[in-house]
Amino acid sequence: MIEGIVIKSTGSWYRVKAVDTGRVFQCRIIGKFRLEGKKLTNPVAVGDRVKLVIENEGESSALIKEILPRENYVVRQSPRKKFFLHLIAANVDQAIVLSTIREPNLKQGFIDRFLLMTEPYNIPTIIVFNKADVLEEEDLEIYAALEFMYEEIGYDVRLISALDGDGLEELRELLKDKTTLISGHSGVGKSTLVNHLQPGLEIDTQEISNFSGKGQHTTTFAEMHELDFGGRIIDTPGIKSLSFINMEPQEVAHNFREFFEYSKDCRFSNCQHINEPSCAVKEAIEAGEISELRYMNYLQILDDINDQNHWDRVK
């Protein structure tokens, strides 16, 4: 069998690059694959190392017979099937969540939700704010506050302009010789960024809708691109929303990293940091040691989970 790396996923077909020869095969899956017993909408992700067999000698089609053990993976709740999970990528060294302060307007809650996908698997995540070229003084003040908030809890935060090239050289240094997942909310300029990081890809870009102020999807399928200066990036479709019906409230609490640190001093080991007495997390928020903004996003995620669980019981 041939060992390869999945470089593109279209849902039913996968492009796989052979490790030894660099030859690219169009592949289908044989058999059923599961992730720790969970239901998946896609059993194979970009970045997966697989073993395949050629269907007919001399042709470029093959069958994926085996998925090799993953070092890690990024998974989200399926936007279409709430009780299924969707694999975004596998075997990544780090992730970038791309955001903006304006054009489109900041969705800070999305950043915290994205971090909730990477934190359980200890995947280092860089928070990058794009479109520095359109920021005004009040926007820069917002950026400075967010930079301080996230760097205080250990995240690397960057401000760039993919259009003008500002900050891209430093970003290339972070990407060099690593496999990096790049994702973000629709319209934040991800395709423009990828095109500037690796000239010649010519990934389609679209303007922000003047009517809605929202971004348009440009990347349709996840795909891995080689970088001339070393390393790989996994480009993913723009994400409109992230839900976590697949997680228990306690899991959410444990994966807000600063909450987890303070929770060791909570009276109850299963404290959810809502109304429980002697909650160290709530005390830290009142003392200004934990961001109230992060806490509000945490509560919103718990509300989403509890609301959905309520409706499931009613049905």
C-alpha atoms as a PDB file:
ATOM      1  CA  MET A   1       0.000   0.000   0.000  1.00  0.00           C
ATOM      2  CA  ILE A   2       0.998   3.591  -0.613  1.00  0.00           C
ATOM      3  CA  GLU A   3       1.231   6.094   2.252  1.00  0.00           C
ATOM      4  CA  GLY A   4      -0.027   9.582   1.554  1.00  0.00           C
ATOM      5  CA  ILE A   5      -1.350  12.818   3.050  1.00  0.00           C
ATOM      6  CA  VAL A   6      -4.869  14.087   2.333  1.00  0.00           C
ATOM      7  CA  ILE A   7      -4.455  17.515   0.702  1.00  0.00           C
ATOM      8  CA  LYS A   8      -8.053  18.235  -0.286  1.00  0.00           C
ATOM      9  CA  SER A   9     -11.472  17.089   0.871  1.00  0.00           C
ATOM     10  CA  THR A  10     -14.615  17.594  -1.194  1.00  0.00           C
ATOM     11  CA  GLY A  11     -16.932  15.434   0.884  1.00  0.00           C
ATOM     12  CA  SER A  12     -17.043  12.321  -1.248  1.00  0.00           C
ATOM     13  CA  TRP A  13     -13.636  12.474  -2.959  1.00  0.00           C
ATOM     14  CA  TYR A  14     -10.222  13.138  -1.458  1.00  0.00           C
ATOM     15  CA  ARG A  15      -6.995  14.231  -3.089  1.00  0.00           C
ATOM     16  CA  VAL A  16      -4.052  12.386  -1.571  1.00  0.00           C
ATOM     17  CA  LYS A  17      -0.375  13.139  -2.162  1.00  0.00           C
ATOM     18  CA  ALA A  18       1.981  10.157  -1.946  1.00  0.00           C
ATOM     19  CA  VAL A  19       4.731  10.697   0.635  1.00  0.00           C
ATOM     20  CA  ASP A  20       7.469   8.985  -1.385  1.00  0.00           C
ATOM     21  CA  THR A  21       6.807  10.163  -4.934  1.00  0.00           C
ATOM     22  CA  GLY A  22       4.622  13.258  -4.579  1.00  0.00           C
ATOM     23  CA  ARG A  23       2.120  11.725  -6.997  1.00  0.00           C
ATOM     24  CA  VAL A  24      -1.454  12.919  -6.414  1.00  0.00           C
ATOM     25  CA  PHE A  25      -4.384  10.488  -6.406  1.00  0.00           C
ATOM     26  CA  GLN A  26      -8.149  11.015  -6.492  1.00  0.00           C
ATOM     27  CA  CYS A  27      -9.434   8.752  -3.743  1.00  0.00           C
ATOM     28  CA  ARG A  28     -12.612   7.241  -2.397  1.00  0.00           C
ATOM     29  CA  ILE A  29     -13.080   5.544   0.976  1.00  0.00           C
ATOM     30  CA  ILE A  30     -13.488   1.839   1.523  1.00  0.00           C
ATOM     31  CA  GLY A  31     -15.099   0.759   4.799  1.00  0.00           C
ATOM     32  CA  LYS A  32     -16.414   2.771   7.734  1.00  0.00           C
ATOM     33  CA  PHE A  33     -14.210   4.918   9.918  1.00  0.00           C
ATOM     34  CA  ARG A  34     -15.238   6.431  13.241  1.00  0.00           C
ATOM     35  CA  LEU A  35     -13.658   8.887  15.649  1.00  0.00           C
ATOM     36  CA  GLU A  36     -13.628   7.524  19.199  1.00  0.00           C
ATOM     37  CA  GLY A  37     -17.100   6.104  18.651  1.00  0.00           C
ATOM     38  CA  LYS A  38     -18.556   9.458  17.565  1.00  0.00           C
ATOM     39  CA  LYS A  39     -20.681  10.041  14.502  1.00  0.00           C
ATOM     40  CA  LEU A  40     -18.893  11.903  11.720  1.00  0.00           C
ATOM     41  CA  THR A  41     -20.137  13.606   8.573  1.00  0.00           C
ATOM     42  CA  ASN A  42     -16.670  13.103   7.066  1.00  0.00           C
ATOM     43  CA  PRO A  43     -14.407  10.311   8.294  1.00  0.00           C
ATOM     44  CA  VAL A  44     -11.251  11.711   6.660  1.00  0.00           C
ATOM     45  CA  ALA A  45      -9.835  15.239   6.968  1.00  0.00           C
ATOM     46  CA  VAL A  46      -7.169  17.281   5.227  1.00  0.00           C
ATOM     47  CA  GLY A  47      -3.888  16.527   6.979  1.00  0.00           C
ATOM     48  CA  ASP A  48      -4.756  12.898   7.626  1.00  0.00           C
ATOM     49  CA  ARG A  49      -2.036  10.369   6.872  1.00  0.00           C
ATOM     50  CA  VAL A  50      -3.585   7.430   5.061  1.00  0.00           C
ATOM     51  CA  LYS A  51      -2.760   4.212   3.269  1.00  0.00           C
ATOM     52  CA  LEU A  52      -4.253   3.617  -0.133  1.00  0.00           C
ATOM     53  CA  VAL A  53      -4.289   1.137  -2.973  1.00  0.00           C
ATOM     54  CA  ILE A  54      -4.394   1.991  -6.665  1.00  0.00           C
ATOM     55  CA  GLU A  55      -7.577   0.764  -8.361  1.00  0.00           C
ATOM     56  CA  ASN A  56      -6.041   0.242 -11.802  1.00  0.00           C
ATOM     57  CA  GLU A  57      -2.313   0.422 -12.457  1.00  0.00           C
ATOM     58  CA  GLY A  58      -1.385   3.502 -14.447  1.00  0.00           C
ATOM     59  CA  GLU A  59      -4.461   5.477 -13.367  1.00  0.00           C
ATOM     60  CA  SER A  60      -4.644   8.282 -10.795  1.00  0.00           C
ATOM     61  CA  SER A  61      -7.613   6.935  -8.839  1.00  0.00           C
ATOM     62  CA  ALA A  62      -7.164   4.977  -5.611  1.00  0.00           C
ATOM     63  CA  LEU A  63      -8.961   3.695  -2.534  1.00  0.00           C
ATOM     64  CA  ILE A  64      -8.251   4.814   1.043  1.00  0.00           C
ATOM     65  CA  LYS A  65      -7.952   1.631   3.063  1.00  0.00           C
ATOM     66  CA  GLU A  66      -6.560   2.877   6.367  1.00  0.00           C
ATOM     67  CA  ILE A  67      -6.253   6.089   8.384  1.00  0.00           C
ATOM     68  CA  LEU A  68      -3.010   6.225  10.339  1.00  0.00           C
ATOM     69  CA  PRO A  69      -3.124   7.360  13.999  1.00  0.00           C
ATOM     70  CA  ARG A  70      -3.685  11.103  14.356  1.00  0.00           C
ATOM     71  CA  GLU A  71      -1.437  13.338  16.468  1.00  0.00           C
ATOM     72  CA  ASN A  72      -4.420  15.651  16.915  1.00  0.00           C
ATOM     73  CA  TYR A  73      -7.455  16.955  15.071  1.00  0.00           C
ATOM     74  CA  VAL A  74      -9.829  19.902  14.947  1.00  0.00           C
ATOM     75  CA  VAL A  75     -13.498  19.010  15.018  1.00  0.00           C
ATOM     76  CA  ARG A  76     -16.706  21.017  15.122  1.00  0.00           C
ATOM     77  CA  GLN A  77     -20.366  20.217  15.526  1.00  0.00           C
ATOM     78  CA  SER A  78     -21.850  19.674  12.093  1.00  0.00           C
ATOM     79  CA  PRO A  79     -23.847  22.753  11.020  1.00  0.00           C
ATOM     80  CA  ARG A  80     -26.369  20.476   9.258  1.00  0.00           C
ATOM     81  CA  LYS A  81     -26.558  17.435  11.544  1.00  0.00           C
ATOM     82  CA  LYS A  82     -26.401  18.575  15.167  1.00  0.00           C
ATOM     83  CA  PHE A  83     -25.646  15.133  16.582  1.00  0.00           C
ATOM     84  CA  PHE A  84     -22.755  14.603  14.160  1.00  0.00           C
ATOM     85  CA  LEU A  85     -19.243  15.986  14.195  1.00  0.00           C
ATOM     86  CA  HIS A  86     -17.358  17.427  11.227  1.00  0.00           C
ATOM     87  CA  LEU A  87     -13.591  16.960  11.005  1.00  0.00           C
ATOM     88  CA  ILE A  88     -11.924  20.190   9.896  1.00  0.00           C
ATOM     89  CA  ALA A  89      -8.263  19.110   9.850  1.00  0.00           C
ATOM     90  CA  ALA A  90      -5.836  16.611  11.341  1.00  0.00           C
ATOM     91  CA  ASN A  91      -2.178  16.531  12.386  1.00  0.00           C
ATOM     92  CA  VAL A  92      -1.671  20.278  12.657  1.00  0.00           C
ATOM     93  CA  ASP A  93       1.163  22.018  14.517  1.00  0.00           C
ATOM     94  CA  GLN A  94      -0.835  25.185  15.150  1.00  0.00           C
ATOM     95  CA  ALA A  95      -3.927  27.127  14.127  1.00  0.00           C
ATOM     96  CA  ILE A  96      -4.705  30.701  13.147  1.00  0.00           C
ATOM     97  CA  VAL A  97      -8.109  32.228  13.794  1.00  0.00           C
ATOM     98  CA  LEU A  98      -8.472  35.257  11.549  1.00  0.00           C
ATOM     99  CA  SER A  99     -10.721  38.108  12.624  1.00  0.00           C
ATOM    100  CA  THR A 100     -11.396  41.790  11.915  1.00  0.00           C
ATOM    101  CA  ILE A 101     -12.370  44.842  13.924  1.00  0.00           C
ATOM    102  CA  ARG A 102     -14.349  46.224  10.975  1.00  0.00           C
ATOM    103  CA  GLU A 103     -15.341  45.223   7.394  1.00  0.00           C
ATOM    104  CA  PRO A 104     -16.897  43.006   8.683  1.00  0.00           C
ATOM    105  CA  ASN A 105     -17.437  44.174  12.239  1.00  0.00           C
ATOM    106  CA  LEU A 106     -15.771  42.363  15.123  1.00  0.00           C
ATOM    107  CA  LYS A 107     -17.328  39.081  16.257  1.00  0.00           C
ATOM    108  CA  GLN A 108     -15.310  38.514  19.388  1.00  0.00           C
ATOM    109  CA  GLY A 109     -17.571  35.686  20.535  1.00  0.00           C
ATOM    110  CA  PHE A 110     -16.502  33.753  17.432  1.00  0.00           C
ATOM    111  CA  ILE A 111     -12.867  33.918  18.548  1.00  0.00           C
ATOM    112  CA  ASP A 112     -13.707  32.324  21.896  1.00  0.00           C
ATOM    113  CA  ARG A 113     -15.769  29.659  20.175  1.00  0.00           C
ATOM    114  CA  PHE A 114     -12.907  28.850  17.817  1.00  0.00           C
ATOM    115  CA  LEU A 115     -10.505  28.562  20.753  1.00  0.00           C
ATOM    116  CA  LEU A 116     -12.945  26.085  22.260  1.00  0.00           C
ATOM    117  CA  MET A 117     -12.254  23.836  19.249  1.00  0.00           C
ATOM    118  CA  THR A 118      -8.447  23.900  19.550  1.00  0.00           C
ATOM    119  CA  GLU A 119      -7.968  24.095  23.328  1.00  0.00           C
ATOM    120  CA  PRO A 120      -9.110  20.496  24.099  1.00  0.00           C
ATOM    121  CA  TYR A 121      -6.332  19.154  21.852  1.00  0.00           C
ATOM    122  CA  ASN A 122      -3.614  21.563  23.047  1.00  0.00           C
ATOM    123  CA  ILE A 123      -3.193  23.050  19.579  1.00  0.00           C
ATOM    124  CA  PRO A 124      -1.349  26.391  19.834  1.00  0.00           C
ATOM    125  CA  THR A 125      -3.616  29.061  18.340  1.00  0.00           C
ATOM    126  CA  ILE A 126      -2.605  32.498  17.055  1.00  0.00           C
ATOM    127  CA  ILE A 127      -5.277  35.198  16.994  1.00  0.00           C
ATOM    128  CA  VAL A 128      -4.728  37.386  13.925  1.00  0.00           C
ATOM    129  CA  PHE A 129      -6.679  40.561  13.234  1.00  0.00           C
ATOM    130  CA  ASN A 130      -6.703  41.495   9.552  1.00  0.00           C
ATOM    131  CA  LYS A 131      -7.440  44.759   7.707  1.00  0.00           C
ATOM    132  CA  ALA A 132      -5.225  47.058   9.761  1.00  0.00           C
ATOM    133  CA  ASP A 133      -5.374  49.404   6.754  1.00  0.00           C
ATOM    134  CA  VAL A 134      -9.021  50.354   7.445  1.00  0.00           C
ATOM    135  CA  LEU A 135      -8.768  50.845  11.211  1.00  0.00           C
ATOM    136  CA  GLU A 136      -9.375  54.224  12.807  1.00  0.00           C
ATOM    137  CA  GLU A 137      -8.149  55.381  16.212  1.00  0.00           C
ATOM    138  CA  GLU A 138     -11.115  53.967  18.125  1.00  0.00           C
ATOM    139  CA  ASP A 139     -10.663  50.629  16.320  1.00  0.00           C
ATOM    140  CA  LEU A 140      -7.009  50.517  17.338  1.00  0.00           C
ATOM    141  CA  GLU A 141      -8.058  51.047  20.949  1.00  0.00           C
ATOM    142  CA  ILE A 142     -10.386  48.044  20.675  1.00  0.00           C
ATOM    143  CA  TYR A 143      -7.542  46.002  19.187  1.00  0.00           C
ATOM    144  CA  ALA A 144      -5.181  47.021  22.007  1.00  0.00           C
ATOM    145  CA  ALA A 145      -7.732  45.918  24.613  1.00  0.00           C
ATOM    146  CA  LEU A 146      -8.243  42.553  22.911  1.00  0.00           C
ATOM    147  CA  GLU A 147      -4.509  42.062  22.478  1.00  0.00           C
ATOM    148  CA  PHE A 148      -3.956  42.649  26.189  1.00  0.00           C
ATOM    149  CA  MET A 149      -6.858  40.367  27.179  1.00  0.00           C
ATOM    150  CA  TYR A 150      -5.713  37.387  25.107  1.00  0.00           C
ATOM    151  CA  GLU A 151      -1.980  37.773  25.682  1.00  0.00           C
ATOM    152  CA  GLU A 152      -2.663  37.824  29.444  1.00  0.00           C
ATOM    153  CA  ILE A 153      -3.968  34.262  29.174  1.00  0.00           C
ATOM    154  CA  GLY A 154      -1.180  33.058  26.896  1.00  0.00           C
ATOM    155  CA  TYR A 155      -2.342  33.548  23.302  1.00  0.00           C
ATOM    156  CA  ASP A 156      -0.210  35.148  20.586  1.00  0.00           C
ATOM    157  CA  VAL A 157      -2.083  38.097  19.023  1.00  0.00           C
ATOM    158  CA  ARG A 158      -1.148  39.854  15.754  1.00  0.00           C
ATOM    159  CA  LEU A 159      -2.422  42.783  13.699  1.00  0.00           C
ATOM    160  CA  ILE A 160      -1.867  42.605   9.930  1.00  0.00           C
ATOM    161  CA  SER A 161      -3.051  43.908   6.604  1.00  0.00           C
ATOM    162  CA  ALA A 162      -3.176  41.129   4.028  1.00  0.00           C
ATOM    163  CA  LEU A 163      -3.930  43.750   1.377  1.00  0.00           C
ATOM    164  CA  ASP A 164      -0.937  45.985   2.124  1.00  0.00           C
ATOM    165  CA  GLY A 165       1.380  43.262   3.368  1.00  0.00           C
ATOM    166  CA  ASP A 166       1.832  44.770   6.840  1.00  0.00           C
ATOM    167  CA  GLY A 167       2.848  42.149   9.381  1.00  0.00           C
ATOM    168  CA  LEU A 168       3.069  39.334   6.835  1.00  0.00           C
ATOM    169  CA  GLU A 169       6.824  38.829   7.143  1.00  0.00           C
ATOM    170  CA  GLU A 170       6.489  38.168  10.861  1.00  0.00           C
ATOM    171  CA  LEU A 171       3.556  35.861  10.158  1.00  0.00           C
ATOM    172  CA  ARG A 172       5.628  33.885   7.650  1.00  0.00           C
ATOM    173  CA  GLU A 173       8.210  33.293  10.370  1.00  0.00           C
ATOM    174  CA  LEU A 174       5.497  31.792  12.575  1.00  0.00           C
ATOM    175  CA  LEU A 175       4.310  29.529   9.734  1.00  0.00           C
ATOM    176  CA  LYS A 176       7.755  28.391   8.550  1.00  0.00           C
ATOM    177  CA  ASP A 177       8.216  24.607   8.606  1.00  0.00           C
ATOM    178  CA  LYS A 178       4.884  23.994  10.353  1.00  0.00           C
ATOM    179  CA  THR A 179       1.467  22.720   9.320  1.00  0.00           C
ATOM    180  CA  THR A 180      -0.994  25.499  10.131  1.00  0.00           C
ATOM    181  CA  LEU A 181      -4.769  25.474   9.992  1.00  0.00           C
ATOM    182  CA  ILE A 182      -6.133  28.875   8.929  1.00  0.00           C
ATOM    183  CA  SER A 183      -9.774  29.596   9.613  1.00  0.00           C
ATOM    184  CA  GLY A 184     -12.065  32.487  10.363  1.00  0.00           C
ATOM    185  CA  HIS A 185     -15.479  34.026  10.072  1.00  0.00           C
ATOM    186  CA  SER A 186     -16.775  34.646   6.567  1.00  0.00           C
ATOM    187  CA  GLY A 187     -15.431  37.817   4.965  1.00  0.00           C
ATOM    188  CA  VAL A 188     -12.365  38.453   7.138  1.00  0.00           C
ATOM    189  CA  GLY A 189      -9.976  38.237   4.165  1.00  0.00           C
ATOM    190  CA  LYS A 190      -8.675  34.711   4.582  1.00  0.00           C
ATOM    191  CA  SER A 191      -8.375  34.033   0.855  1.00  0.00           C
ATOM    192  CA  THR A 192      -6.526  37.322   0.327  1.00  0.00           C
ATOM    193  CA  LEU A 193      -4.154  36.398   3.151  1.00  0.00           C
ATOM    194  CA  VAL A 194      -3.455  32.928   1.738  1.00  0.00           C
ATOM    195  CA  ASN A 195      -2.822  34.391  -1.729  1.00  0.00           C
ATOM    196  CA  HIS A 196      -0.290  36.836  -0.291  1.00  0.00           C
ATOM    197  CA  LEU A 197       1.425  34.222   1.858  1.00  0.00           C
ATOM    198  CA  GLN A 198       1.857  31.934  -1.139  1.00  0.00           C
ATOM    199  CA  PRO A 199       1.750  33.873  -4.451  1.00  0.00           C
ATOM    200  CA  GLY A 200       0.463  31.918  -7.410  1.00  0.00           C
ATOM    201  CA  LEU A 201      -2.398  30.107  -5.682  1.00  0.00           C
ATOM    202  CA  GLU A 202      -4.951  32.575  -7.095  1.00  0.00           C
ATOM    203  CA  ILE A 203      -7.698  31.608  -4.669  1.00  0.00           C
ATOM    204  CA  ASP A 204     -10.919  33.482  -5.458  1.00  0.00           C
ATOM    205  CA  THR A 205     -11.690  36.520  -3.310  1.00  0.00           C
ATOM    206  CA  GLN A 206     -14.905  38.511  -3.014  1.00  0.00           C
ATOM    207  CA  GLU A 207     -15.801  41.914  -1.681  1.00  0.00           C
ATOM    208  CA  ILE A 208     -17.850  42.403   1.463  1.00  0.00           C
ATOM    209  CA  SER A 209     -21.539  42.718   0.612  1.00  0.00           C
ATOM    210  CA  ASN A 210     -22.509  46.396   0.680  1.00  0.00           C
ATOM    211  CA  PHE A 211     -26.064  45.408   1.543  1.00  0.00           C
ATOM    212  CA  SER A 212     -25.424  43.133   4.508  1.00  0.00           C
ATOM    213  CA  GLY A 213     -21.912  44.131   5.535  1.00  0.00           C
ATOM    214  CA  LYS A 214     -21.143  40.411   5.731  1.00  0.00           C
ATOM    215  CA  GLY A 215     -18.522  38.359   3.996  1.00  0.00           C
ATOM    216  CA  GLN A 216     -19.121  35.934   1.187  1.00  0.00           C
ATOM    217  CA  HIS A 217     -17.795  32.362   1.106  1.00  0.00           C
ATOM    218  CA  THR A 218     -14.878  31.985  -1.318  1.00  0.00           C
ATOM    219  CA  THR A 219     -13.170  28.739  -0.235  1.00  0.00           C
ATOM    220  CA  THR A 220     -15.563  25.829  -0.797  1.00  0.00           C
ATOM    221  CA  PHE A 221     -13.510  22.875   0.427  1.00  0.00           C
ATOM    222  CA  ALA A 222     -10.634  22.450   2.858  1.00  0.00           C
ATOM    223  CA  GLU A 223      -7.296  22.249   1.069  1.00  0.00           C
ATOM    224  CA  MET A 224      -3.614  22.019   1.991  1.00  0.00           C
ATOM    225  CA  HIS A 225      -1.081  24.255   0.247  1.00  0.00           C
ATOM    226  CA  GLU A 226       2.708  23.951   0.330  1.00  0.00           C
ATOM    227  CA  LEU A 227       4.606  27.116   1.272  1.00  0.00           C
ATOM    228  CA  ASP A 228       7.720  28.065  -0.719  1.00  0.00           C
ATOM    229  CA  PHE A 229       9.450  29.241   2.462  1.00  0.00           C
ATOM    230  CA  GLY A 230       8.719  25.941   4.243  1.00  0.00           C
ATOM    231  CA  GLY A 231       5.640  24.451   5.838  1.00  0.00           C
ATOM    232  CA  ARG A 232       2.024  23.962   4.858  1.00  0.00           C
ATOM    233  CA  ILE A 233      -1.231  25.775   5.409  1.00  0.00           C
ATOM    234  CA  ILE A 234      -4.660  24.194   5.518  1.00  0.00           C
ATOM    235  CA  ASP A 235      -7.195  26.645   4.107  1.00  0.00           C
ATOM    236  CA  THR A 236     -10.771  26.038   5.222  1.00  0.00           C
ATOM    237  CA  PRO A 237     -14.166  27.427   4.160  1.00  0.00           C
ATOM    238  CA  GLY A 238     -15.305  30.539   6.016  1.00  0.00           C
ATOM    239  CA  ILE A 239     -17.313  29.641   9.120  1.00  0.00           C
ATOM    240  CA  LYS A 240     -20.583  31.438   9.811  1.00  0.00           C
ATOM    241  CA  SER A 241     -21.276  30.013  13.254  1.00  0.00           C
ATOM    242  CA  LEU A 242     -19.998  27.473  15.775  1.00  0.00           C
ATOM    243  CA  SER A 243     -22.148  25.424  18.135  1.00  0.00           C
ATOM    244  CA  PHE A 244     -21.145  22.962  20.833  1.00  0.00           C
ATOM    245  CA  ILE A 245     -24.106  20.674  21.472  1.00  0.00           C
ATOM    246  CA  ASN A 246     -21.513  17.892  21.392  1.00  0.00           C
ATOM    247  CA  MET A 247     -19.885  19.232  24.589  1.00  0.00           C
ATOM    248  CA  GLU A 248     -20.929  19.016  28.212  1.00  0.00           C
ATOM    249  CA  PRO A 249     -20.984  22.289  30.216  1.00  0.00           C
ATOM    250  CA  GLN A 250     -18.089  21.013  32.339  1.00  0.00           C
ATOM    251  CA  GLU A 251     -15.991  20.514  29.203  1.00  0.00           C
ATOM    252  CA  VAL A 252     -16.655  24.094  28.161  1.00  0.00           C
ATOM    253  CA  ALA A 253     -15.578  25.364  31.587  1.00  0.00           C
ATOM    254  CA  HIS A 254     -12.369  23.323  31.526  1.00  0.00           C
ATOM    255  CA  ASN A 255     -11.383  24.631  28.108  1.00  0.00           C
ATOM    256  CA  PHE A 256     -11.580  28.315  28.961  1.00  0.00           C
ATOM    257  CA  ARG A 257      -7.991  28.128  30.128  1.00  0.00           C
ATOM    258  CA  GLU A 258      -8.058  30.906  32.738  1.00  0.00           C
ATOM    259  CA  PHE A 259     -11.295  29.506  34.208  1.00  0.00           C
ATOM    260  CA  PHE A 260      -9.633  26.128  34.594  1.00  0.00           C
ATOM    261  CA  GLU A 261      -6.721  27.646  36.527  1.00  0.00           C
ATOM    262  CA  TYR A 262      -8.975  29.460  38.995  1.00  0.00           C
ATOM    263  CA  SER A 263     -11.483  26.586  39.269  1.00  0.00           C
ATOM    264  CA  LYS A 264      -9.009  24.628  41.410  1.00  0.00           C
ATOM    265  CA  ASP A 265     -10.028  26.940  44.252  1.00  0.00           C
ATOM    266  CA  CYS A 266     -13.794  26.592  43.738  1.00  0.00           C
ATOM    267  CA  ARG A 267     -15.703  24.927  46.588  1.00  0.00           C
ATOM    268  CA  PHE A 268     -17.226  22.337  44.253  1.00  0.00           C
ATOM    269  CA  SER A 269     -15.118  20.269  41.871  1.00  0.00           C
ATOM    270  CA  ASN A 270     -17.929  20.310  39.285  1.00  0.00           C
ATOM    271  CA  CYS A 271     -18.538  24.059  39.578  1.00  0.00           C
ATOM    272  CA  GLN A 272     -19.917  25.595  36.370  1.00  0.00           C
ATOM    273  CA  HIS A 273     -19.196  29.148  37.594  1.00  0.00           C
ATOM    274  CA  ILE A 274     -22.781  30.385  37.356  1.00  0.00           C
ATOM    275  CA  ASN A 275     -24.551  30.625  40.721  1.00  0.00           C
ATOM    276  CA  GLU A 276     -22.533  28.241  42.883  1.00  0.00           C
ATOM    277  CA  PRO A 277     -21.289  29.553  46.264  1.00  0.00           C
ATOM    278  CA  SER A 278     -17.557  30.139  46.826  1.00  0.00           C
ATOM    279  CA  CYS A 279     -16.801  30.137  43.106  1.00  0.00           C
ATOM    280  CA  ALA A 280     -13.207  31.245  42.553  1.00  0.00           C
ATOM    281  CA  VAL A 281     -13.895  32.085  38.923  1.00  0.00           C
ATOM    282  CA  LYS A 282     -16.734  34.478  39.782  1.00  0.00           C
ATOM    283  CA  GLU A 283     -14.553  36.049  42.482  1.00  0.00           C
ATOM    284  CA  ALA A 284     -11.744  36.538  39.943  1.00  0.00           C
ATOM    285  CA  ILE A 285     -14.165  38.222  37.527  1.00  0.00           C
ATOM    286  CA  GLU A 286     -15.349  40.609  40.239  1.00  0.00           C
ATOM    287  CA  ALA A 287     -11.706  41.376  41.078  1.00  0.00           C
ATOM    288  CA  GLY A 288     -10.934  42.119  37.413  1.00  0.00           C
ATOM    289  CA  GLU A 289      -8.565  39.155  37.104  1.00  0.00           C
ATOM    290  CA  ILE A 290     -10.717  37.390  34.484  1.00  0.00           C
ATOM    291  CA  SER A 291     -12.238  39.185  31.509  1.00  0.00           C
ATOM    292  CA  GLU A 292     -15.954  39.787  31.874  1.00  0.00           C
ATOM    293  CA  LEU A 293     -16.205  39.708  28.077  1.00  0.00           C
ATOM    294  CA  ARG A 294     -14.829  36.174  27.963  1.00  0.00           C
ATOM    295  CA  TYR A 295     -17.184  35.203  30.774  1.00  0.00           C
ATOM    296  CA  MET A 296     -20.234  36.548  28.892  1.00  0.00           C
ATOM    297  CA  ASN A 297     -19.244  34.495  25.851  1.00  0.00           C
ATOM    298  CA  TYR A 298     -18.849  31.447  28.089  1.00  0.00           C
ATOM    299  CA  LEU A 299     -22.366  31.925  29.483  1.00  0.00           C
ATOM    300  CA  GLN A 300     -23.775  32.304  25.963  1.00  0.00           C
ATOM    301  CA  ILE A 301     -22.246  28.977  24.928  1.00  0.00           C
ATOM    302  CA  LEU A 302     -23.749  27.286  28.001  1.00  0.00           C
ATOM    303  CA  ASP A 303     -27.139  28.868  27.212  1.00  0.00           C
ATOM    304  CA  ASP A 304     -26.956  27.483  23.669  1.00  0.00           C
ATOM    305  CA  ILE A 305     -26.209  23.990  24.972  1.00  0.00           C
ATOM    306  CA  ASN A 306     -28.924  24.092  27.638  1.00  0.00           C
ATOM    307  CA  ASP A 307     -31.520  25.534  25.239  1.00  0.00           C
ATOM    308  CA  GLN A 308     -30.884  22.812  22.709  1.00  0.00           C
ATOM    309  CA  ASN A 309     -30.984  20.094  25.368  1.00  0.00           C
ATOM    310  CA  HIS A 310     -34.319  21.516  26.581  1.00  0.00           C
ATOM    311  CA  TRP A 311     -35.886  21.387  23.121  1.00  0.00           C
ATOM    312  CA  ASP A 312     -34.572  17.859  22.610  1.00  0.00           C
ATOM    313  CA  ARG A 313     -36.349  16.749  25.798  1.00  0.00           C
ATOM    314  CA  VAL A 314     -39.583  18.487  24.767  1.00  0.00           C
ATOM    315  CA  LYS A 315     -39.726  16.770  21.378  1.00  0.00           C
END
